[in-house]
Protein backbone atom coordinates (compact mmCIF):
# COMPACT_ATOMS: atom_id res chain seq x y z
CA MET A 1 -5.79 15.55 44.16
CA ARG A 2 -5.62 17.82 41.14
CA PHE A 3 -8.49 16.52 39.08
CA SER A 4 -12.36 17.01 39.56
CA LYS A 5 -14.59 15.13 37.45
CA ASN A 6 -15.40 18.08 35.24
CA ASN A 7 -13.03 21.02 33.83
CA ASP A 8 -15.15 23.82 32.82
CA VAL A 9 -12.14 25.41 31.33
CA LEU A 10 -11.40 22.83 28.73
CA GLY A 11 -15.00 21.62 28.42
CA THR A 12 -13.64 17.97 29.49
CA ALA A 13 -15.42 15.59 32.04
CA ASN A 14 -14.82 12.40 33.14
CA ARG A 15 -17.19 9.40 33.21
CA GLY A 16 -15.70 7.95 36.30
CA ASN A 17 -13.87 9.13 39.06
CA PRO A 18 -10.40 10.64 38.08
CA ALA A 19 -6.92 9.09 39.25
CA GLU A 20 -4.10 11.00 39.57
CA SER A 21 -3.17 10.89 36.08
CA SER A 22 -6.64 12.47 35.12
CA LEU A 23 -7.91 9.36 33.48
CA CYS A 24 -10.95 7.58 34.96
CA THR A 25 -10.05 4.60 37.44
CA LEU A 26 -12.12 2.58 34.94
CA CYS A 27 -11.36 3.40 31.29
CA ARG A 28 -13.83 1.78 29.05
CA ALA A 29 -13.25 1.01 25.45
CA ASP A 30 -16.85 2.08 24.24
CA CYS A 31 -16.47 5.46 26.10
CA GLN A 32 -18.27 8.23 24.51
CA GLY A 33 -16.05 10.86 26.07
CA LYS A 34 -14.65 13.22 27.00
CA CYS A 35 -12.02 13.37 29.55
CA GLU A 36 -8.94 15.44 28.40
CA THR A 37 -6.98 12.62 26.94
CA TRP A 38 -10.12 11.42 24.86
CA LEU A 39 -10.99 14.88 23.59
CA SER A 40 -7.33 15.76 22.45
CA SER A 41 -7.40 12.46 20.43
CA LEU A 42 -9.65 14.57 18.20
CA VAL A 43 -8.86 18.03 18.44
CA GLY A 44 -5.02 17.79 19.72
CA ARG A 45 -3.24 20.83 20.53
CA LYS A 46 -6.37 23.01 20.52
CA LEU A 47 -7.10 21.33 24.03
CA LEU A 48 -3.92 22.96 25.42
CA TYR A 49 -6.11 26.29 25.82
CA PRO A 50 -9.28 27.51 27.61
CA ARG A 51 -12.47 27.07 25.25
CA ASP A 52 -14.66 29.88 23.93
CA PHE A 53 -12.10 32.36 23.54
CA GLY A 54 -13.17 35.94 23.03
CA LEU A 55 -16.10 35.25 25.57
CA VAL A 56 -14.18 34.26 28.81
CA THR A 57 -11.55 34.74 31.03
CA ALA A 58 -9.74 31.71 32.94
CA GLY A 59 -7.90 31.08 35.97
CA ALA A 60 -5.95 28.08 37.59
CA ASN A 61 -7.41 26.25 40.49
CA ASN A 62 -4.36 24.20 41.13
CA THR A 63 -2.68 26.42 43.69
CA THR A 64 -3.33 24.76 46.94
CA HIS A 65 -1.17 21.44 47.13
CA VAL A 66 -1.96 18.83 49.92
CA GLY A 67 0.05 15.32 50.24
CA VAL A 68 3.06 13.96 48.05
CA SER A 69 2.10 13.17 44.31
CA TYR A 70 3.45 14.73 41.21
CA ASN A 71 0.81 17.06 41.43
CA SER A 72 2.41 18.53 44.15
CA LEU A 73 5.58 19.15 42.09
CA ARG A 74 5.24 22.40 40.04
CA ILE A 75 7.35 23.43 36.88
CA GLN A 76 9.91 26.37 37.23
CA GLY A 77 10.15 28.91 34.70
CA TYR A 78 12.87 31.39 34.23
CA ALA A 79 13.12 35.06 33.07
CA TYR A 80 16.39 34.72 31.24
CA GLY A 81 18.89 32.34 29.35
CA ALA A 82 18.33 29.49 26.59
CA HIS A 83 19.69 26.28 26.89
CA GLY A 84 20.12 23.53 24.30
CA ILE A 85 19.41 25.68 21.25
CA ALA A 86 20.03 23.71 18.10
CA LYS A 87 23.53 24.72 16.12
CA ASN A 88 21.73 26.17 13.36
CA LEU A 89 19.74 28.37 15.42
CA SER A 90 21.00 31.44 17.91
CA LYS A 91 19.93 32.87 21.09
CA ASP A 92 18.05 35.51 19.43
CA PRO A 93 14.28 35.83 20.38
CA ASP A 94 13.42 34.95 17.00
CA ASP A 95 14.89 31.50 17.34
CA CYS A 96 14.08 30.79 21.10
CA ILE A 97 10.48 29.74 20.13
CA PHE A 98 8.56 26.60 21.54
CA PRO A 99 8.26 25.20 18.20
CA ASN A 100 12.13 25.02 17.99
CA VAL A 101 12.08 22.75 21.15
CA ASP A 102 13.88 19.56 20.25
CA LEU A 103 11.79 16.67 21.82
CA THR A 104 14.02 14.12 20.59
CA THR A 105 15.77 11.52 22.79
CA GLU A 106 17.59 8.30 22.65
CA PHE A 107 18.60 5.47 24.77
CA GLY A 108 20.89 2.58 24.98
CA TYR A 109 24.33 1.40 25.96
CA GLU A 110 26.32 0.92 22.83
CA ILE A 111 23.50 0.84 20.25
CA LYS A 112 21.25 4.18 20.46
CA THR A 113 17.73 3.68 20.13
CA LYS A 114 15.99 7.19 19.14
CA SER A 115 12.66 8.36 19.77
CA ARG A 116 11.20 11.59 18.41
CA ILE A 117 9.57 12.55 21.78
CA PRO A 118 10.35 11.26 25.35
CA LEU A 119 7.46 8.77 25.27
CA MET A 120 7.09 4.97 25.08
CA THR A 121 4.06 2.65 25.62
CA GLY A 122 3.40 0.29 28.48
CA ALA A 123 3.56 -3.21 27.82
CA LEU A 124 0.33 -4.41 25.78
CA GLY A 125 0.24 -8.13 26.25
CA SER A 126 -2.10 -11.03 26.60
CA THR A 127 -5.35 -9.00 27.68
CA PHE A 128 -7.93 -9.03 24.90
CA ILE A 129 -7.91 -5.39 24.73
CA ALA A 130 -4.59 -5.07 23.70
CA ALA A 131 -5.06 -7.74 20.82
CA LYS A 132 -8.44 -6.06 19.72
CA TYR A 133 -6.69 -2.59 19.09
CA TRP A 134 -3.23 -3.66 18.31
CA ASP A 135 -3.30 -2.41 14.53
CA SER A 136 -4.12 1.32 16.07
CA PHE A 137 -1.59 1.29 18.88
CA ALA A 138 1.21 -0.23 16.59
CA VAL A 139 0.49 1.92 13.57
CA GLY A 140 0.33 5.00 15.54
CA GLY A 141 3.41 4.55 17.59
CA ALA A 142 5.65 3.60 14.61
CA LEU A 143 4.29 6.79 12.65
CA ILE A 144 4.96 9.20 15.68
CA GLY A 145 8.47 7.24 16.10
CA ILE A 146 8.27 5.80 19.83
CA PRO A 147 8.83 2.61 21.30
CA ILE A 148 6.17 0.28 21.72
CA VAL A 149 6.00 -2.87 24.06
CA VAL A 150 4.54 -6.33 23.22
CA GLY A 151 3.69 -7.46 26.56
CA GLU A 152 3.86 -10.76 28.39
CA ASN A 153 1.82 -13.81 27.74
CA VAL A 154 1.00 -13.19 23.95
CA VAL A 155 2.11 -16.65 22.70
CA GLY A 156 0.89 -18.71 25.74
CA VAL A 157 -2.76 -17.55 25.35
CA ASP A 158 -2.90 -17.58 21.36
CA LYS A 159 -4.75 -20.66 20.45
CA GLU A 160 -3.18 -20.60 17.10
CA SER A 161 0.37 -20.72 18.31
CA THR A 162 2.35 -24.16 18.07
CA ILE A 163 4.32 -25.22 21.10
CA THR A 164 6.30 -28.14 20.41
CA LYS A 165 8.32 -30.05 23.21
CA GLY A 166 7.76 -26.98 25.56
CA LYS A 167 8.99 -24.40 22.95
CA VAL A 168 7.08 -22.38 20.36
CA THR A 169 7.53 -22.79 16.72
CA LYS A 170 4.70 -20.49 15.25
CA SER A 171 2.97 -17.78 16.84
CA PRO A 172 0.81 -15.69 14.61
CA GLU A 173 -0.69 -13.16 17.00
CA LEU A 174 3.09 -12.40 18.17
CA ASP A 175 3.98 -12.08 14.48
CA ARG A 176 1.15 -9.93 14.01
CA ARG A 177 2.19 -7.60 16.81
CA VAL A 178 5.68 -7.36 15.72
CA ASP A 179 5.17 -6.92 12.02
CA THR A 180 2.46 -4.44 12.05
CA TYR A 181 4.90 -1.91 13.87
CA LEU A 182 7.84 -2.99 11.64
CA ARG A 183 5.76 -2.10 8.28
CA TYR A 184 5.63 1.77 9.50
CA TYR A 185 9.03 1.84 11.37
CA ASP A 186 11.19 4.57 10.03
CA GLY A 187 14.33 4.53 12.27
CA TYR A 188 12.63 6.14 15.28
CA GLY A 189 11.31 4.33 17.97
CA ALA A 190 11.54 0.25 18.63
CA ILE A 191 9.51 -2.79 19.13
CA ILE A 192 10.38 -4.17 22.68
CA VAL A 193 9.10 -8.00 23.19
CA GLN A 194 8.56 -8.73 26.81
CA MET A 195 9.14 -12.08 28.75
CA ASN A 196 7.87 -13.58 31.89
CA VAL A 197 8.14 -16.62 33.55
CA GLU A 198 5.84 -18.68 30.83
CA ASP A 199 7.39 -16.71 27.93
CA THR A 200 10.78 -17.75 29.10
CA ARG A 201 9.56 -21.73 29.30
CA ASN A 202 7.89 -21.38 25.94
CA GLY A 203 11.01 -19.97 24.53
CA VAL A 204 9.72 -16.66 23.10
CA ALA A 205 13.62 -15.08 22.87
CA GLU A 206 14.38 -18.09 21.01
CA TYR A 207 11.62 -17.45 18.56
CA ILE A 208 12.14 -13.68 18.40
CA ALA A 209 15.60 -13.98 17.87
CA GLY A 210 15.51 -16.60 15.17
CA LYS A 211 12.77 -14.68 13.14
CA TYR A 212 13.48 -11.05 13.75
CA GLY A 213 17.00 -10.94 14.80
CA ASP A 214 18.06 -7.58 16.25
CA LYS A 215 15.02 -5.84 14.87
CA CYS A 216 13.66 -6.17 18.17
CA ILE A 217 14.62 -5.33 21.88
CA ILE A 218 13.95 -8.16 24.04
CA GLU A 219 12.72 -7.40 27.52
CA LEU A 220 13.04 -9.18 31.09
CA LYS A 221 10.17 -8.54 33.42
CA TRP A 222 10.16 -8.45 37.10
CA GLY A 223 6.93 -6.81 37.71
CA GLN A 224 4.70 -3.61 37.28
CA GLY A 225 3.08 -0.88 39.24
CA ALA A 226 -0.44 -2.26 39.45
CA LYS A 227 0.31 -5.47 41.08
CA ASP A 228 2.76 -7.92 42.91
CA ILE A 229 1.59 -11.13 41.36
CA GLY A 230 1.81 -12.30 37.65
CA GLY A 231 -0.44 -11.22 34.83
CA GLU A 232 -4.02 -11.97 34.67
CA ILE A 233 -6.70 -12.09 31.95
CA GLN A 234 -10.38 -13.28 32.61
CA VAL A 235 -11.95 -15.77 29.90
CA THR A 236 -15.80 -16.51 29.85
CA SER A 237 -15.42 -20.05 27.71
CA LEU A 238 -14.85 -23.20 29.62
CA GLU A 239 -13.15 -24.70 26.49
CA TYR A 240 -10.62 -21.85 26.63
CA ALA A 241 -10.06 -22.12 30.46
CA LEU A 242 -9.19 -25.66 30.09
CA PHE A 243 -6.99 -24.67 26.95
CA LEU A 244 -5.04 -22.25 29.19
CA LYS A 245 -4.84 -24.80 31.95
CA LYS A 246 -3.03 -27.27 29.52
CA ARG A 247 -0.91 -24.60 28.41
CA GLY A 248 0.39 -24.49 32.09
CA TYR A 249 -1.23 -21.33 33.55
CA VAL A 250 -2.68 -20.91 36.85
CA VAL A 251 -6.61 -20.95 36.14
CA ASP A 252 -9.00 -19.94 39.09
CA PRO A 253 -11.36 -21.58 39.57
CA ASN A 254 -9.71 -24.69 38.54
CA PRO A 255 -11.78 -25.66 35.24
CA GLU A 256 -10.76 -29.38 35.74
CA LEU A 257 -12.69 -29.82 38.66
CA PRO A 258 -16.24 -31.61 38.12
CA GLU A 259 -17.95 -29.39 40.89
CA VAL A 260 -16.41 -26.20 38.99
CA GLN A 261 -17.82 -27.55 35.60
CA GLU A 262 -21.25 -28.02 37.07
CA ALA A 263 -21.21 -24.76 38.49
CA PHE A 264 -20.17 -23.12 35.22
CA LYS A 265 -22.82 -25.14 33.55
CA GLN A 266 -25.65 -23.90 35.90
CA GLY A 267 -24.46 -20.53 35.60
CA ALA A 268 -23.12 -20.01 39.03
CA ILE A 269 -19.31 -19.56 37.61
CA LYS A 270 -19.41 -17.32 34.65
CA SER A 271 -15.65 -16.77 34.12
CA PHE A 272 -12.23 -17.84 35.10
CA ALA A 273 -9.02 -16.02 35.59
CA ARG A 274 -5.69 -16.92 33.94
CA HIS A 275 -2.78 -15.93 36.16
CA SER A 276 1.04 -16.18 35.35
CA ARG A 277 3.65 -17.44 38.07
CA LEU A 278 5.86 -15.52 40.19
CA GLY A 279 9.42 -15.12 39.13
CA GLY A 280 12.47 -15.67 41.27
CA THR A 281 10.72 -18.10 43.84
CA ASN A 282 13.89 -20.39 43.77
CA LEU A 283 16.15 -17.47 44.64
CA ASP A 284 16.66 -16.60 48.45
CA THR A 285 19.46 -14.06 48.65
CA VAL A 286 20.45 -10.97 46.56
CA ASP A 287 23.56 -12.92 45.40
CA LEU A 288 21.44 -15.62 44.03
CA VAL A 289 19.12 -13.23 42.00
CA ARG A 290 22.21 -11.43 40.78
CA GLU A 291 23.73 -14.51 39.82
CA ASP A 292 20.61 -15.61 38.02
CA PHE A 293 19.95 -12.36 36.30
CA MET A 294 23.41 -12.10 34.56
CA LYS A 295 22.86 -15.73 33.49
CA SER A 296 19.82 -14.55 31.90
CA VAL A 297 21.29 -11.44 30.07
CA ASP A 298 24.22 -13.38 28.79
CA TYR A 299 21.89 -16.07 27.11
CA LEU A 300 20.13 -13.38 25.47
CA ARG A 301 23.03 -11.92 24.11
CA SER A 302 24.17 -15.56 22.86
CA LEU A 303 21.17 -15.55 21.01
CA GLY A 304 22.28 -12.40 19.02
CA PHE A 305 20.15 -10.02 21.10
CA LYS A 306 22.09 -6.67 20.66
CA ARG A 307 19.53 -4.52 23.02
CA ILE A 308 18.17 -5.78 26.14
CA SER A 309 16.02 -4.02 28.74
CA LEU A 310 14.31 -4.63 32.01
CA LYS A 311 10.71 -3.89 33.55
CA THR A 312 10.37 -3.71 37.01
CA GLY A 313 7.29 -2.75 39.34
CA SER A 314 6.86 -0.64 42.43
CA TYR A 315 8.65 -3.23 45.06
CA GLY A 316 10.72 -1.78 47.91
CA MET A 317 13.95 -0.29 47.98
CA GLU A 318 16.05 -3.29 47.96
CA GLU A 319 14.41 -4.56 44.65
CA LEU A 320 14.83 -1.35 43.24
CA ALA A 321 18.28 -0.99 44.06
CA MET A 322 18.70 -4.26 42.63
CA ALA A 323 17.46 -3.28 39.41
CA ILE A 324 19.19 -0.20 39.05
CA LYS A 325 22.44 -1.93 40.31
CA PHE A 326 22.18 -5.36 38.08
CA ALA A 327 20.97 -3.53 34.77
CA SER A 328 23.96 -1.10 35.01
CA ASP A 329 26.45 -3.89 35.66
CA ALA A 330 24.88 -5.98 32.82
CA LYS A 331 25.26 -2.95 30.60
CA MET A 332 21.59 -2.94 29.76
CA ASP A 333 19.57 -0.57 27.39
CA LEU A 334 16.71 0.46 29.19
CA LEU A 335 15.29 0.25 32.87
CA THR A 336 11.44 0.97 33.24
CA ILE A 337 10.42 1.73 36.80
CA ASP A 338 6.81 1.49 37.23
CA GLY A 339 5.38 2.96 40.48
CA SER A 340 1.96 2.35 41.80
CA GLY A 341 -0.78 4.12 40.46
CA GLY A 342 0.08 2.24 37.36
CA GLY A 343 -2.82 0.80 34.86
CA THR A 344 -3.56 -2.71 34.23
CA GLY A 345 -6.21 -4.59 31.87
CA MET A 346 -6.95 -6.89 34.87
CA SER A 347 -5.48 -6.82 38.34
CA PRO A 348 -7.11 -7.51 42.00
CA TRP A 349 -8.51 -4.09 42.66
CA ASN A 350 -7.69 -3.80 46.25
CA MET A 351 -4.46 -4.80 45.33
CA MET A 352 -4.19 -2.12 43.01
CA GLN A 353 -5.37 0.33 45.83
CA SER A 354 -3.13 -1.02 48.80
CA TRP A 355 0.23 -2.58 47.20
CA GLY A 356 3.58 -1.08 46.26
CA VAL A 357 5.60 2.34 46.35
CA PRO A 358 3.86 5.30 44.84
CA SER A 359 5.22 6.59 41.67
CA ILE A 360 6.62 9.70 43.08
CA ASN A 361 8.40 8.04 45.86
CA LEU A 362 9.67 5.27 43.77
CA HIS A 363 10.95 7.67 41.29
CA SER A 364 12.67 9.92 43.69
CA LYS A 365 14.49 7.04 45.32
CA ALA A 366 15.79 5.69 41.62
CA TYR A 367 17.12 9.05 40.97
CA GLU A 368 19.09 8.87 44.49
CA TYR A 369 20.05 5.30 43.87
CA ALA A 370 21.27 6.30 40.28
CA SER A 371 23.15 9.08 41.89
CA ILE A 372 25.09 6.68 44.23
CA LEU A 373 26.27 4.83 41.11
CA ALA A 374 27.26 7.42 39.22
CA ALA A 375 29.16 9.10 42.06
CA LYS A 376 31.17 5.98 42.17
CA GLY A 377 32.24 6.24 38.54
CA GLN A 378 29.66 3.76 37.32
CA ARG A 379 27.60 4.45 34.32
CA VAL A 380 23.94 4.30 35.23
CA VAL A 381 21.30 2.49 32.97
CA ASP A 382 19.02 4.56 31.15
CA LEU A 383 15.62 4.86 32.60
CA SER A 384 12.00 5.38 31.89
CA PHE A 385 9.58 6.23 34.56
CA ALA A 386 5.87 4.88 34.30
CA GLY A 387 3.08 4.69 36.76
CA GLY A 388 0.07 7.17 36.26
CA PHE A 389 1.44 9.57 33.65
CA ALA A 390 -1.10 11.22 30.83
CA LEU A 391 -0.61 14.78 30.32
CA GLU A 392 2.23 16.88 29.11
CA ASP A 393 3.03 18.36 32.38
CA SER A 394 3.42 15.02 34.24
CA ILE A 395 5.72 14.14 31.32
CA PHE A 396 7.94 17.08 32.18
CA LYS A 397 7.80 16.52 35.90
CA GLY A 398 8.93 12.90 35.29
CA LEU A 399 11.70 13.79 33.06
CA ALA A 400 13.14 16.36 35.55
CA LEU A 401 12.59 14.25 38.92
CA GLY A 402 14.81 11.74 37.27
CA ALA A 403 17.27 13.64 35.20
CA PRO A 404 19.73 12.99 33.90
CA TYR A 405 19.22 9.45 33.92
CA THR A 406 15.53 9.38 32.73
CA LYS A 407 15.15 9.56 29.02
CA LEU A 408 11.50 8.42 28.43
CA ILE A 409 8.00 8.60 29.98
CA CYS A 410 5.97 5.20 29.82
CA MET A 411 2.36 5.83 29.32
CA GLY A 412 0.22 2.89 29.60
CA ARG A 413 -3.61 3.60 29.41
CA ALA A 414 -3.34 7.07 28.30
CA ILE A 415 -2.07 5.86 24.86
CA MET A 416 -4.55 3.54 24.64
CA VAL A 417 -7.35 5.82 24.80
CA PRO A 418 -7.10 7.57 21.23
CA GLY A 419 -6.79 3.64 20.04
CA PHE A 420 -10.43 2.81 21.26
CA LEU A 421 -11.65 6.00 20.40
CA GLY A 422 -10.75 5.83 16.52
CA ALA A 423 -11.75 2.30 16.20
CA ASN A 424 -15.25 3.29 17.47
CA ILE A 425 -15.31 6.07 14.98
CA GLU A 426 -13.95 4.21 12.02
CA GLY A 427 -16.58 1.47 12.72
CA VAL A 428 -19.36 4.02 12.43
CA LEU A 429 -17.96 5.68 9.38
CA HIS A 430 -17.21 2.14 7.63
CA PRO A 431 -19.85 -0.38 9.13
CA GLU A 432 -18.46 -3.16 7.10
CA ARG A 433 -15.28 -2.80 9.18
CA LYS A 434 -16.84 -2.39 12.57
CA GLU A 435 -16.56 -5.89 13.61
CA LYS A 436 -12.92 -6.33 12.45
CA LEU A 437 -11.99 -3.25 14.37
CA ASN A 438 -14.02 -4.03 17.35
CA GLY A 439 -15.88 -0.92 17.10
CA ASN A 440 -18.51 -0.48 19.90
CA TRP A 441 -20.94 2.42 18.41
CA SER A 442 -23.74 2.32 16.09
CA GLU A 443 -23.64 6.11 15.50
CA LEU A 444 -21.30 8.65 16.27
CA PRO A 445 -22.28 10.74 19.67
CA LYS A 446 -22.72 14.34 19.94
CA THR A 447 -19.22 14.22 21.63
CA VAL A 448 -17.85 13.54 18.11
CA SER A 449 -20.25 14.60 15.70
CA SER A 450 -20.13 18.28 17.24
CA ILE A 451 -16.62 18.24 15.80
CA GLY A 452 -17.20 16.42 12.41
CA ASN A 453 -18.96 13.85 10.56
CA ASN A 454 -15.71 12.27 8.66
CA ALA A 455 -12.33 11.67 9.40
CA GLU A 456 -10.93 14.39 7.71
CA GLU A 457 -13.16 16.94 9.86
CA ILE A 458 -12.99 14.90 13.17
CA PHE A 459 -9.14 14.49 13.37
CA ALA A 460 -7.15 17.87 13.62
CA SER A 461 -3.83 15.72 12.50
CA TYR A 462 -5.50 14.08 9.62
CA PHE A 463 -3.59 15.76 7.02
CA ASP A 464 -0.26 15.54 8.91
CA VAL A 465 -0.66 11.76 8.72
CA GLN A 466 -1.47 11.86 5.37
CA LYS A 467 1.79 14.03 4.50
CA LYS A 468 3.79 11.51 6.25
CA VAL A 469 2.39 8.36 4.51
CA GLY A 470 0.88 9.69 1.31
CA LYS A 471 -2.60 9.96 0.22
CA ASN A 472 -2.66 6.69 -1.26
CA GLU A 473 -1.58 5.10 2.06
CA MET A 474 -4.18 6.72 4.02
CA LYS A 475 -6.57 3.91 3.30
CA ASN A 476 -4.50 1.46 5.18
CA ILE A 477 -4.26 3.65 8.24
CA PRO A 478 -6.38 3.13 11.48
CA LEU A 479 -8.46 6.03 12.65
CA GLY A 480 -7.19 4.93 15.99
CA ALA A 481 -3.49 5.30 14.60
CA ILE A 482 -4.52 8.93 13.57
CA ALA A 483 -5.97 9.86 16.92
CA ILE A 484 -2.94 8.53 18.59
CA TRP A 485 -0.94 10.73 16.46
CA THR A 486 -3.35 13.79 17.24
CA MET A 487 -3.23 13.15 20.92
CA ALA A 488 0.65 12.70 20.86
CA ASP A 489 0.71 16.14 18.74
CA LYS A 490 -0.89 17.77 21.77
CA LEU A 491 1.41 16.29 24.20
CA SER A 492 4.25 17.34 22.03
CA CYS A 493 3.06 21.15 21.76
CA GLY A 494 2.36 21.21 25.30
CA LEU A 495 5.50 19.77 26.32
CA GLN A 496 7.40 22.09 24.17
CA GLN A 497 5.81 25.10 25.68
CA LEU A 498 6.65 24.02 29.22
CA MET A 499 10.35 23.58 28.00
CA ALA A 500 10.36 26.80 26.36
CA GLY A 501 9.21 28.65 29.69
CA ALA A 502 11.95 26.70 31.49
CA ARG A 503 14.35 27.81 28.84
CA LYS A 504 15.37 24.22 28.04
CA PHE A 505 15.29 23.59 24.11
CA ALA A 506 16.53 20.05 24.35
CA VAL A 507 15.17 17.26 26.37
CA LYS A 508 18.85 16.37 27.43
CA GLU A 509 19.00 19.83 29.13
CA ILE A 510 15.88 19.37 31.46
CA SER A 511 17.16 19.07 35.13
CA ARG A 512 15.88 18.75 38.57
CA ARG A 513 16.21 22.54 39.00
CA ASP A 514 13.17 22.77 36.41
CA ILE A 515 10.66 21.58 39.08
CA PHE A 516 9.97 22.83 42.58
CA ALA A 517 7.91 21.11 45.51
CA ALA A 518 4.73 22.68 46.40
CA ASN A 519 4.87 21.58 49.94
CA ARG A 520 7.44 20.61 52.55
CA GLU A 521 6.43 17.04 52.68
CA THR A 522 7.09 16.78 49.04
CA ALA A 523 10.33 18.48 49.29
CA LYS A 524 11.45 16.13 51.87
CA GLU A 525 10.32 12.95 50.03
CA THR A 526 11.52 13.99 46.60
CA GLY A 527 14.74 15.60 47.41
CA ILE A 528 13.42 18.62 45.13
CA ALA A 529 13.63 22.08 46.63
CA HIS A 530 10.75 23.93 48.06
CA ILE A 531 9.01 26.90 46.08
CA ALA A 532 10.31 29.13 48.69
CA ASP A 533 14.00 27.74 48.59
CA ILE A 534 14.93 26.86 45.49
CA ASN A 535 17.21 29.98 44.28
CA ASP A 536 16.84 31.70 47.40
CA GLU A 537 20.43 32.28 48.04
CA THR A 538 20.98 33.77 44.51
CA ALA A 539 17.76 36.14 45.17
CA LYS A 540 19.20 37.52 48.41
CA LYS A 541 22.57 38.03 46.79
CA ILE A 542 20.91 40.30 44.18
CA LEU A 543 19.16 42.12 47.00
CA ASN A 544 22.44 42.61 49.00
CA SER A 545 24.36 43.47 45.92
């Protein structure tokens, strides 16, 4: 494990135990800091460098690698060359500087969806934390120019939605999610609406097609990297639990049972878990799965959707192959592959600990399987890798491990952190908005006040956002969105620096030869050459020349 709870070089600390991604295993919306992702949401690219310049020297402590993980991959640097320089630039050293690295990417079969940086959000669905801070997530994502995903069950859990004869006819919360993003959408990024079993039954695709047309990408969902059952939320109201039960959800314990109601009344039961159903339960063979999948894609196209994506989780190799092959055959626009180690709003804890294929193994096999299709002459669906990404080096590693098929890295919890943080700060600076913003603080903690006491002082990218939207529009921009921009600026700058060191000045130039394995076990599992082997033959040719 690369990460300890405290990083003296950056002056950061994890409140809880850090996961492989560097985030705490339990990330709280009321957290007062200050992990690397949290602090970068305020100070931005400054956090790329050691603190207290002029008083310190710093040295790395991540040179011994044990086990197989993304942290056991290292990034290759080169002493010559420059690949992917923009046409208006030369290979002169004055042009080959890291700010000139082009981070734009695109995905899609026929219609190309552009993104300013190779990043997208995870699915932000029916968990209350996604709804509470959606304005920050959506506005921030739109301003940055990255795709954002409206997750599953948004219609089903909304008390204000109207479902007539089994189909949704009104969904204020889903409308809010889409409209908030589209307000600041400028041609980069996309709003993706995801569907599970209940969403399909409720007619979410038909609703989106009728109201928004091709403004949205529709996404089929097979699973995610945190669990192998449907999505969950927790509710503390018996009335709400009964409402969800009548909506057709699995609610545990069953709120309709008299003994459960009595236990709730007496305080022995304090909450209920709402679960989604498993998909594909009536399909017993791969051929049936394929037939059903193709019918679903054809139906979505008949509704008018020109862009369709698929999200799959950390199942075994058969399901991974099915996802890549079927999505490629169906000429889908994007396949997101989420490995174990991925985050969640609420999933069974020991399931998260023990279930599924870890991200690095799953993503390595995804490359292998995609290459098999490509070798047969088939065009492979564009890929996005998810499952435990938070920092710029992990973005680079994920893109390199899956190159040339991987176009994006999908971040879930990491992109949510600045949304929470900005809302907490705005709730203090503007107490009249605190309740609406779901702010959790009554005053600025020292971790924030040591940086500044107003938004202009606190957020390093405040004036970058103001330049984009205009001074008059800033009053409508949530501070959580500014925090997301600020964190994304740090990730972007860090990624540009890593790419420049690898002599790759465009995302499409990143290759598997830009990373190497730090131990033999990682080399075996990933197919990435070991440090001592990569370019060893050319090195010996130089010596023997």
